[in-house]
Amino acid sequence: MRQMWVEFKAFALGGNMLDLALGFIMGTAFATVVQSLAKNVLMQLVAAIFGKPDFSRFDLPIHGADIRYGAFLTDFLNFLLLAAVLFAMVQLMKRLGLGNFKAQGQMECPYCKEFVQSDALICRYCTAELEPALVDAEEERRELMARRNPGNEVRSDVS
């Protein structure tokens, strides 16, 4: 029983499981903020423009059945607003340098800034020749220099 407890603690508190749990919690909190912005701010702007915060009262009676196209319009508008808010927030986070938006096994092309496979020799977007080891070393050097000299530009001609 004691061995099982030790294994469970190693599993539950291990790096991957803990990272996953924290990511889930942060994702849930982020989703709540995005939904609140879309629902409480943007949908209220829709209400100010059209006079109603939702269109769920609109329906079309056909042979005794109500086709509730208004509820669909409300849900669709909520989806569009939510997607727009999420897109804007991710773009803002990328511009501010927050978060890690680099996919596993990929690197950023130093010329066109698109992500390519980390073992690629030629960028498939701008066709520039890449040397993966040198690109990674250059990135690490720039990050190190930026940490040493915060606020100063890193010159690429300095070794």
N, C-alpha and C. Protein backbone atom coordinates (compact mmCIF):
# COMPACT_ATOMS: atom_id res chain seq x y z
N MET A 1 0.83 -1.20 0.00
CA MET A 1 0.00 0.00 0.00
C MET A 1 0.88 1.26 0.00
N ARG A 2 1.95 1.21 0.75
CA ARG A 2 2.86 2.36 0.83
C ARG A 2 3.49 2.64 -0.54
N GLN A 3 3.89 1.58 -1.24
CA GLN A 3 4.50 1.74 -2.57
C GLN A 3 3.51 2.36 -3.54
N MET A 4 2.25 1.96 -3.45
CA MET A 4 1.21 2.52 -4.32
C MET A 4 1.05 4.01 -4.05
N TRP A 5 1.09 4.41 -2.77
CA TRP A 5 0.98 5.82 -2.41
C TRP A 5 2.16 6.62 -2.98
N VAL A 6 3.35 6.08 -2.88
CA VAL A 6 4.54 6.74 -3.41
C VAL A 6 4.42 6.91 -4.92
N GLU A 7 3.97 5.87 -5.62
CA GLU A 7 3.80 5.96 -7.07
C GLU A 7 2.72 6.95 -7.45
N PHE A 8 1.62 6.97 -6.66
CA PHE A 8 0.54 7.92 -6.94
C PHE A 8 1.03 9.36 -6.76
N LYS A 9 1.77 9.63 -5.69
CA LYS A 9 2.31 10.98 -5.47
C LYS A 9 3.24 11.38 -6.60
N ALA A 10 4.08 10.44 -7.04
CA ALA A 10 4.99 10.75 -8.14
C ALA A 10 4.21 11.06 -9.41
N PHE A 11 3.11 10.32 -9.62
CA PHE A 11 2.28 10.54 -10.81
C PHE A 11 1.53 11.87 -10.71
N ALA A 12 0.84 12.09 -9.58
CA ALA A 12 -0.02 13.26 -9.42
C ALA A 12 0.77 14.56 -9.31
N LEU A 13 1.93 14.50 -8.70
CA LEU A 13 2.71 15.71 -8.50
C LEU A 13 3.89 15.81 -9.45
N GLY A 14 3.96 14.89 -10.40
CA GLY A 14 5.03 14.93 -11.39
C GLY A 14 4.88 16.13 -12.30
N GLY A 15 5.95 16.49 -12.97
CA GLY A 15 5.97 17.69 -13.80
C GLY A 15 4.88 17.73 -14.85
N ASN A 16 4.70 16.66 -15.60
CA ASN A 16 3.72 16.68 -16.68
C ASN A 16 2.30 16.81 -16.16
N MET A 17 1.96 16.06 -15.13
CA MET A 17 0.60 16.10 -14.60
C MET A 17 0.32 17.45 -13.97
N LEU A 18 1.29 17.98 -13.24
CA LEU A 18 1.10 19.28 -12.61
C LEU A 18 0.99 20.37 -13.67
N ASP A 19 1.81 20.32 -14.70
CA ASP A 19 1.72 21.28 -15.79
C ASP A 19 0.36 21.21 -16.47
N LEU A 20 -0.12 19.99 -16.69
CA LEU A 20 -1.43 19.81 -17.32
C LEU A 20 -2.54 20.39 -16.45
N ALA A 21 -2.48 20.13 -15.16
CA ALA A 21 -3.51 20.65 -14.25
C ALA A 21 -3.48 22.17 -14.21
N LEU A 22 -2.29 22.74 -14.09
CA LEU A 22 -2.19 24.20 -14.07
C LEU A 22 -2.64 24.81 -15.39
N GLY A 23 -2.28 24.16 -16.50
CA GLY A 23 -2.73 24.63 -17.81
C GLY A 23 -4.24 24.60 -17.94
N PHE A 24 -4.85 23.54 -17.43
CA PHE A 24 -6.31 23.42 -17.47
C PHE A 24 -6.96 24.53 -16.65
N ILE A 25 -6.43 24.77 -15.46
CA ILE A 25 -6.99 25.81 -14.60
C ILE A 25 -6.84 27.18 -15.24
N MET A 26 -5.66 27.46 -15.77
CA MET A 26 -5.44 28.75 -16.43
C MET A 26 -6.31 28.88 -17.69
N GLY A 27 -6.46 27.79 -18.42
CA GLY A 27 -7.32 27.81 -19.61
C GLY A 27 -8.76 28.09 -19.25
N THR A 28 -9.23 27.50 -18.17
CA THR A 28 -10.60 27.75 -17.71
C THR A 28 -10.78 29.20 -17.30
N ALA A 29 -9.81 29.73 -16.56
CA ALA A 29 -9.90 31.14 -16.15
C ALA A 29 -9.86 32.06 -17.36
N PHE A 30 -8.99 31.76 -18.32
CA PHE A 30 -8.88 32.56 -19.54
C PHE A 30 -10.19 32.51 -20.32
N ALA A 31 -10.78 31.32 -20.43
CA ALA A 31 -12.06 31.17 -21.14
C ALA A 31 -13.15 31.99 -20.46
N THR A 32 -13.16 32.02 -19.14
CA THR A 32 -14.15 32.80 -18.41
C THR A 32 -14.01 34.29 -18.71
N VAL A 33 -12.78 34.77 -18.75
CA VAL A 33 -12.55 36.19 -19.05
C VAL A 33 -13.00 36.51 -20.47
N VAL A 34 -12.65 35.66 -21.43
CA VAL A 34 -13.02 35.89 -22.82
C VAL A 34 -14.55 35.85 -22.98
N GLN A 35 -15.21 34.87 -22.36
CA GLN A 35 -16.67 34.78 -22.45
C GLN A 35 -17.33 35.98 -21.81
N SER A 36 -16.79 36.44 -20.69
CA SER A 36 -17.36 37.60 -20.02
C SER A 36 -17.23 38.85 -20.88
N LEU A 37 -16.08 39.02 -21.50
CA LEU A 37 -15.90 40.18 -22.38
C LEU A 37 -16.87 40.14 -23.56
N ALA A 38 -17.01 38.96 -24.15
CA ALA A 38 -17.91 38.83 -25.30
C ALA A 38 -19.37 39.04 -24.89
N LYS A 39 -19.76 38.44 -23.76
CA LYS A 39 -21.17 38.49 -23.35
C LYS A 39 -21.54 39.82 -22.70
N ASN A 40 -20.70 40.29 -21.78
CA ASN A 40 -21.07 41.45 -20.98
C ASN A 40 -20.68 42.79 -21.59
N VAL A 41 -19.78 42.77 -22.54
CA VAL A 41 -19.38 44.04 -23.16
C VAL A 41 -19.84 44.09 -24.62
N LEU A 42 -19.37 43.13 -25.40
CA LEU A 42 -19.67 43.19 -26.84
C LEU A 42 -21.14 42.91 -27.14
N MET A 43 -21.75 41.95 -26.47
CA MET A 43 -23.17 41.70 -26.73
C MET A 43 -24.03 42.87 -26.24
N GLN A 44 -23.56 43.59 -25.23
CA GLN A 44 -24.30 44.76 -24.77
C GLN A 44 -24.18 45.89 -25.79
N LEU A 45 -23.05 45.93 -26.50
CA LEU A 45 -22.94 46.89 -27.61
C LEU A 45 -23.92 46.53 -28.72
N VAL A 46 -24.08 45.23 -28.97
CA VAL A 46 -25.08 44.79 -29.95
C VAL A 46 -26.47 45.21 -29.48
N ALA A 47 -26.72 45.06 -28.18
CA ALA A 47 -28.02 45.47 -27.63
C ALA A 47 -28.22 46.96 -27.79
N ALA A 48 -27.18 47.74 -27.61
CA ALA A 48 -27.31 49.19 -27.76
C ALA A 48 -27.59 49.57 -29.20
N ILE A 49 -27.04 48.80 -30.15
CA ILE A 49 -27.24 49.12 -31.56
C ILE A 49 -28.60 48.62 -32.04
N PHE A 50 -28.95 47.36 -31.71
CA PHE A 50 -30.18 46.75 -32.24
C PHE A 50 -31.35 46.79 -31.27
N GLY A 51 -31.11 47.21 -30.03
CA GLY A 51 -32.20 47.32 -29.07
C GLY A 51 -32.43 46.07 -28.24
N LYS A 52 -31.78 44.97 -28.54
CA LYS A 52 -31.93 43.74 -27.77
C LYS A 52 -30.57 43.06 -27.65
N PRO A 53 -30.29 42.46 -26.46
CA PRO A 53 -29.02 41.76 -26.33
C PRO A 53 -29.02 40.39 -27.01
N ASP A 54 -30.19 39.90 -27.33
CA ASP A 54 -30.24 38.64 -28.07
C ASP A 54 -31.46 38.63 -28.98
N PHE A 55 -31.46 37.70 -29.89
CA PHE A 55 -32.52 37.61 -30.89
C PHE A 55 -33.36 36.36 -30.69
N SER A 56 -33.34 35.79 -29.49
CA SER A 56 -33.99 34.49 -29.26
C SER A 56 -35.51 34.56 -29.42
N ARG A 57 -36.10 35.72 -29.40
CA ARG A 57 -37.55 35.83 -29.55
C ARG A 57 -38.00 35.71 -31.01
N PHE A 58 -37.06 35.82 -31.93
CA PHE A 58 -37.43 35.71 -33.33
C PHE A 58 -37.63 34.25 -33.70
N ASP A 59 -38.79 33.97 -34.25
CA ASP A 59 -39.06 32.62 -34.74
C ASP A 59 -39.99 32.69 -35.94
N LEU A 60 -40.04 31.58 -36.65
CA LEU A 60 -40.84 31.50 -37.86
C LEU A 60 -41.77 30.29 -37.74
N PRO A 61 -43.07 30.52 -37.52
CA PRO A 61 -43.99 29.38 -37.40
C PRO A 61 -44.32 28.78 -38.77
N ILE A 62 -44.07 27.48 -38.91
CA ILE A 62 -44.38 26.77 -40.14
C ILE A 62 -45.13 25.50 -39.75
N HIS A 63 -46.39 25.40 -40.16
CA HIS A 63 -47.25 24.24 -39.91
C HIS A 63 -47.21 23.80 -38.45
N GLY A 64 -47.34 24.75 -37.54
CA GLY A 64 -47.40 24.43 -36.12
C GLY A 64 -46.05 24.26 -35.44
N ALA A 65 -44.97 24.31 -36.19
CA ALA A 65 -43.63 24.19 -35.60
C ALA A 65 -42.95 25.55 -35.65
N ASP A 66 -42.28 25.89 -34.57
CA ASP A 66 -41.57 27.17 -34.52
C ASP A 66 -40.11 26.94 -34.89
N ILE A 67 -39.69 27.61 -35.96
CA ILE A 67 -38.28 27.59 -36.37
C ILE A 67 -37.63 28.77 -35.65
N ARG A 68 -36.80 28.47 -34.66
CA ARG A 68 -36.21 29.52 -33.81
C ARG A 68 -34.88 29.99 -34.40
N TYR A 69 -34.96 30.73 -35.46
CA TYR A 69 -33.74 31.22 -36.10
C TYR A 69 -33.09 32.31 -35.26
N GLY A 70 -33.84 32.98 -34.42
CA GLY A 70 -33.29 34.02 -33.55
C GLY A 70 -32.31 33.46 -32.53
N ALA A 71 -32.62 32.29 -31.96
CA ALA A 71 -31.71 31.66 -31.01
C ALA A 71 -30.42 31.26 -31.72
N PHE A 72 -30.55 30.78 -32.95
CA PHE A 72 -29.36 30.44 -33.73
C PHE A 72 -28.53 31.69 -34.02
N LEU A 73 -29.18 32.79 -34.40
CA LEU A 73 -28.45 34.03 -34.66
C LEU A 73 -27.70 34.52 -33.42
N THR A 74 -28.34 34.41 -32.26
CA THR A 74 -27.69 34.82 -31.01
C THR A 74 -26.47 33.96 -30.73
N ASP A 75 -26.63 32.64 -30.85
CA ASP A 75 -25.50 31.73 -30.61
C ASP A 75 -24.38 31.96 -31.62
N PHE A 76 -24.75 32.19 -32.87
CA PHE A 76 -23.74 32.42 -33.91
C PHE A 76 -23.00 33.73 -33.66
N LEU A 77 -23.72 34.76 -33.27
CA LEU A 77 -23.09 36.05 -32.96
C LEU A 77 -22.19 35.92 -31.74
N ASN A 78 -22.63 35.17 -30.72
CA ASN A 78 -21.79 34.92 -29.56
C ASN A 78 -20.50 34.22 -29.97
N PHE A 79 -20.61 33.23 -30.85
CA PHE A 79 -19.44 32.50 -31.33
C PHE A 79 -18.48 33.45 -32.06
N LEU A 80 -19.01 34.27 -32.96
CA LEU A 80 -18.16 35.20 -33.70
C LEU A 80 -17.46 36.20 -32.78
N LEU A 81 -18.19 36.72 -31.82
CA LEU A 81 -17.60 37.67 -30.88
C LEU A 81 -16.56 37.00 -30.00
N LEU A 82 -16.84 35.79 -29.54
CA LEU A 82 -15.91 35.04 -28.72
C LEU A 82 -14.63 34.74 -29.51
N ALA A 83 -14.78 34.33 -30.76
CA ALA A 83 -13.62 34.04 -31.60
C ALA A 83 -12.81 35.30 -31.85
N ALA A 84 -13.48 36.42 -32.08
CA ALA A 84 -12.78 37.68 -32.33
C ALA A 84 -12.01 38.13 -31.09
N VAL A 85 -12.63 38.02 -29.93
CA VAL A 85 -11.95 38.40 -28.69
C VAL A 85 -10.75 37.49 -28.43
N LEU A 86 -10.93 36.20 -28.62
CA LEU A 86 -9.84 35.25 -28.41
C LEU A 86 -8.69 35.54 -29.38
N PHE A 87 -9.01 35.78 -30.64
CA PHE A 87 -7.99 36.09 -31.63
C PHE A 87 -7.23 37.36 -31.25
N ALA A 88 -7.96 38.38 -30.84
CA ALA A 88 -7.32 39.65 -30.46
C ALA A 88 -6.42 39.47 -29.24
N MET A 89 -6.86 38.68 -28.28
CA MET A 89 -6.06 38.47 -27.07
C MET A 89 -4.80 37.68 -27.38
N VAL A 90 -4.90 36.67 -28.23
CA VAL A 90 -3.72 35.88 -28.59
C VAL A 90 -2.74 36.75 -29.38
N GLN A 91 -3.24 37.57 -30.30
CA GLN A 91 -2.37 38.46 -31.05
C GLN A 91 -1.66 39.45 -30.12
N LEU A 92 -2.39 39.97 -29.15
CA LEU A 92 -1.80 40.89 -28.19
C LEU A 92 -0.73 40.19 -27.35
N MET A 93 -1.01 38.98 -26.92
CA MET A 93 -0.04 38.23 -26.14
C MET A 93 1.21 37.93 -26.96
N LYS A 94 1.04 37.61 -28.23
CA LYS A 94 2.19 37.36 -29.09
C LYS A 94 3.02 38.62 -29.26
N ARG A 95 2.37 39.76 -29.45
CA ARG A 95 3.10 41.03 -29.63
C ARG A 95 3.84 41.44 -28.36
N LEU A 96 3.25 41.12 -27.20
CA LEU A 96 3.90 41.47 -25.94
C LEU A 96 4.97 40.46 -25.55
N GLY A 97 5.05 39.36 -26.29
CA GLY A 97 6.04 38.33 -25.99
C GLY A 97 5.65 37.42 -24.86
N LEU A 98 4.36 37.37 -24.53
CA LEU A 98 3.88 36.50 -23.47
C LEU A 98 3.48 35.16 -24.05
N GLY A 99 3.72 34.11 -23.32
CA GLY A 99 3.30 32.78 -23.76
C GLY A 99 4.29 32.17 -24.72
N ASN A 100 4.15 30.88 -24.91
CA ASN A 100 5.02 30.14 -25.83
C ASN A 100 4.14 29.65 -26.96
N PHE A 101 4.19 30.33 -28.10
CA PHE A 101 3.35 29.98 -29.22
C PHE A 101 4.10 29.16 -30.26
N LYS A 102 5.25 28.66 -29.88
CA LYS A 102 6.05 27.84 -30.79
C LYS A 102 5.63 26.38 -30.61
N ALA A 103 5.24 25.74 -31.68
CA ALA A 103 4.84 24.34 -31.62
C ALA A 103 6.06 23.46 -31.35
N GLN A 104 5.84 22.33 -30.70
CA GLN A 104 6.92 21.40 -30.42
C GLN A 104 7.55 20.93 -31.72
N GLY A 105 8.87 20.85 -31.72
CA GLY A 105 9.57 20.37 -32.90
C GLY A 105 9.67 21.39 -34.01
N GLN A 106 9.40 22.64 -33.69
CA GLN A 106 9.47 23.68 -34.71
C GLN A 106 10.33 24.83 -34.21
N MET A 107 10.83 25.61 -35.15
CA MET A 107 11.59 26.80 -34.85
C MET A 107 11.09 27.93 -35.74
N GLU A 108 11.42 29.13 -35.36
CA GLU A 108 11.01 30.29 -36.13
C GLU A 108 12.10 30.61 -37.15
N CYS A 109 11.69 30.79 -38.39
CA CYS A 109 12.64 31.20 -39.43
C CYS A 109 13.13 32.61 -39.08
N PRO A 110 14.44 32.84 -39.04
CA PRO A 110 14.93 34.17 -38.66
C PRO A 110 14.65 35.23 -39.71
N TYR A 111 14.23 34.83 -40.91
CA TYR A 111 14.01 35.79 -41.99
C TYR A 111 12.54 36.18 -42.12
N CYS A 112 11.65 35.18 -42.22
CA CYS A 112 10.23 35.49 -42.43
C CYS A 112 9.38 35.31 -41.17
N LYS A 113 9.98 34.77 -40.11
CA LYS A 113 9.33 34.59 -38.81
C LYS A 113 8.20 33.55 -38.81
N GLU A 114 8.13 32.72 -39.84
CA GLU A 114 7.17 31.61 -39.86
C GLU A 114 7.81 30.42 -39.16
N PHE A 115 6.97 29.51 -38.64
CA PHE A 115 7.48 28.33 -37.95
C PHE A 115 7.71 27.21 -38.96
N VAL A 116 8.89 26.62 -38.90
CA VAL A 116 9.26 25.49 -39.76
C VAL A 116 9.77 24.37 -38.86
N GLN A 117 9.88 23.17 -39.41
CA GLN A 117 10.40 22.04 -38.65
C GLN A 117 11.81 22.36 -38.17
N SER A 118 12.13 21.92 -36.97
CA SER A 118 13.42 22.28 -36.39
C SER A 118 14.60 21.66 -37.12
N ASP A 119 14.37 20.61 -37.90
CA ASP A 119 15.46 20.01 -38.65
C ASP A 119 15.46 20.45 -40.12
N ALA A 120 14.64 21.46 -40.46
CA ALA A 120 14.55 21.93 -41.84
C ALA A 120 15.84 22.65 -42.25
N LEU A 121 16.21 22.46 -43.48
CA LEU A 121 17.39 23.14 -44.03
C LEU A 121 17.01 24.34 -44.88
N ILE A 122 15.76 24.33 -45.38
CA ILE A 122 15.25 25.44 -46.19
C ILE A 122 13.85 25.79 -45.67
N CYS A 123 13.60 27.09 -45.48
CA CYS A 123 12.28 27.54 -45.04
C CYS A 123 11.29 27.35 -46.18
N ARG A 124 10.19 26.69 -45.90
CA ARG A 124 9.22 26.44 -46.98
C ARG A 124 8.38 27.68 -47.31
N TYR A 125 8.50 28.72 -46.52
CA TYR A 125 7.74 29.94 -46.79
C TYR A 125 8.54 30.94 -47.61
N CYS A 126 9.78 31.21 -47.16
CA CYS A 126 10.58 32.22 -47.86
C CYS A 126 11.76 31.61 -48.62
N THR A 127 11.91 30.31 -48.55
CA THR A 127 12.95 29.51 -49.21
C THR A 127 14.37 29.90 -48.81
N ALA A 128 14.53 30.53 -47.65
CA ALA A 128 15.87 30.86 -47.16
C ALA A 128 16.54 29.59 -46.64
N GLU A 129 17.84 29.53 -46.81
CA GLU A 129 18.59 28.39 -46.30
C GLU A 129 18.75 28.54 -44.79
N LEU A 130 18.48 27.44 -44.08
CA LEU A 130 18.55 27.45 -42.63
C LEU A 130 19.59 26.44 -42.17
N GLU A 131 20.24 26.77 -41.11
CA GLU A 131 21.12 25.83 -40.45
C GLU A 131 20.57 25.69 -39.04
N PRO A 132 19.81 24.63 -38.76
CA PRO A 132 19.09 24.52 -37.48
C PRO A 132 19.97 24.76 -36.26
N ALA A 133 21.15 24.19 -36.21
CA ALA A 133 22.00 24.37 -35.04
C ALA A 133 22.42 25.83 -34.89
N LEU A 134 22.72 26.49 -36.00
CA LEU A 134 23.13 27.88 -35.92
C LEU A 134 21.97 28.80 -35.57
N VAL A 135 20.78 28.50 -36.09
CA VAL A 135 19.61 29.32 -35.78
C VAL A 135 19.30 29.22 -34.31
N ASP A 136 19.33 27.99 -33.75
CA ASP A 136 19.06 27.81 -32.33
C ASP A 136 20.13 28.51 -31.49
N ALA A 137 21.39 28.41 -31.89
CA ALA A 137 22.47 29.07 -31.15
C ALA A 137 22.31 30.58 -31.20
N GLU A 138 21.91 31.11 -32.36
CA GLU A 138 21.72 32.56 -32.49
C GLU A 138 20.57 33.03 -31.60
N GLU A 139 19.48 32.26 -31.56
CA GLU A 139 18.34 32.59 -30.70
C GLU A 139 18.77 32.60 -29.25
N GLU A 140 19.50 31.57 -28.83
CA GLU A 140 19.95 31.48 -27.45
C GLU A 140 20.87 32.65 -27.10
N ARG A 141 21.75 33.02 -28.02
CA ARG A 141 22.66 34.13 -27.79
C ARG A 141 21.89 35.44 -27.62
N ARG A 142 20.89 35.66 -28.47
CA ARG A 142 20.09 36.89 -28.37
C ARG A 142 19.31 36.93 -27.06
N GLU A 143 18.74 35.80 -26.65
CA GLU A 143 18.01 35.76 -25.39
C GLU A 143 18.93 36.04 -24.22
N LEU A 144 20.13 35.44 -24.24
CA LEU A 144 21.10 35.66 -23.18
C LEU A 144 21.52 37.13 -23.12
N MET A 145 21.79 37.72 -24.28
CA MET A 145 22.18 39.12 -24.32
C MET A 145 21.04 40.03 -23.86
N ALA A 146 19.81 39.68 -24.21
CA ALA A 146 18.66 40.48 -23.79
C ALA A 146 18.49 40.42 -22.28
N ARG A 147 18.76 39.25 -21.68
CA ARG A 147 18.68 39.13 -20.22
C ARG A 147 19.79 39.92 -19.55
N ARG A 148 20.97 39.94 -20.15
CA ARG A 148 22.10 40.67 -19.56
C ARG A 148 21.92 42.17 -19.68
N ASN A 149 21.36 42.62 -20.79
CA ASN A 149 21.20 44.05 -21.07
C ASN A 149 19.74 44.37 -21.33
N PRO A 150 18.88 44.35 -20.31
CA PRO A 150 17.47 44.64 -20.56
C PRO A 150 17.27 46.05 -21.07
N GLY A 151 16.43 46.17 -22.09
CA GLY A 151 16.11 47.46 -22.67
C GLY A 151 17.06 47.90 -23.77
N ASN A 152 18.18 47.20 -23.94
CA ASN A 152 19.14 47.56 -24.98
C ASN A 152 18.94 46.65 -26.18
N GLU A 153 19.17 47.21 -27.36
CA GLU A 153 19.09 46.42 -28.57
C GLU A 153 20.28 45.47 -28.63
N VAL A 154 20.05 44.25 -29.13
CA VAL A 154 21.13 43.29 -29.30
C VAL A 154 21.64 43.41 -30.71
N ARG A 155 22.94 43.70 -30.84
CA ARG A 155 23.51 43.83 -32.16
C ARG A 155 23.86 42.45 -32.68
N SER A 156 23.53 42.17 -33.94
CA SER A 156 23.78 40.86 -34.51
C SER A 156 25.20 40.68 -34.97
N ASP A 157 25.99 41.78 -35.07
CA ASP A 157 27.36 41.64 -35.53
C ASP A 157 28.34 41.38 -34.39
N VAL A 158 27.84 41.39 -33.15
CA VAL A 158 28.69 41.12 -32.00
C VAL A 158 28.65 39.64 -31.68
N SER A 159 29.79 39.01 -31.51
CA SER A 159 29.84 37.58 -31.20
C SER A 159 29.95 37.34 -29.72
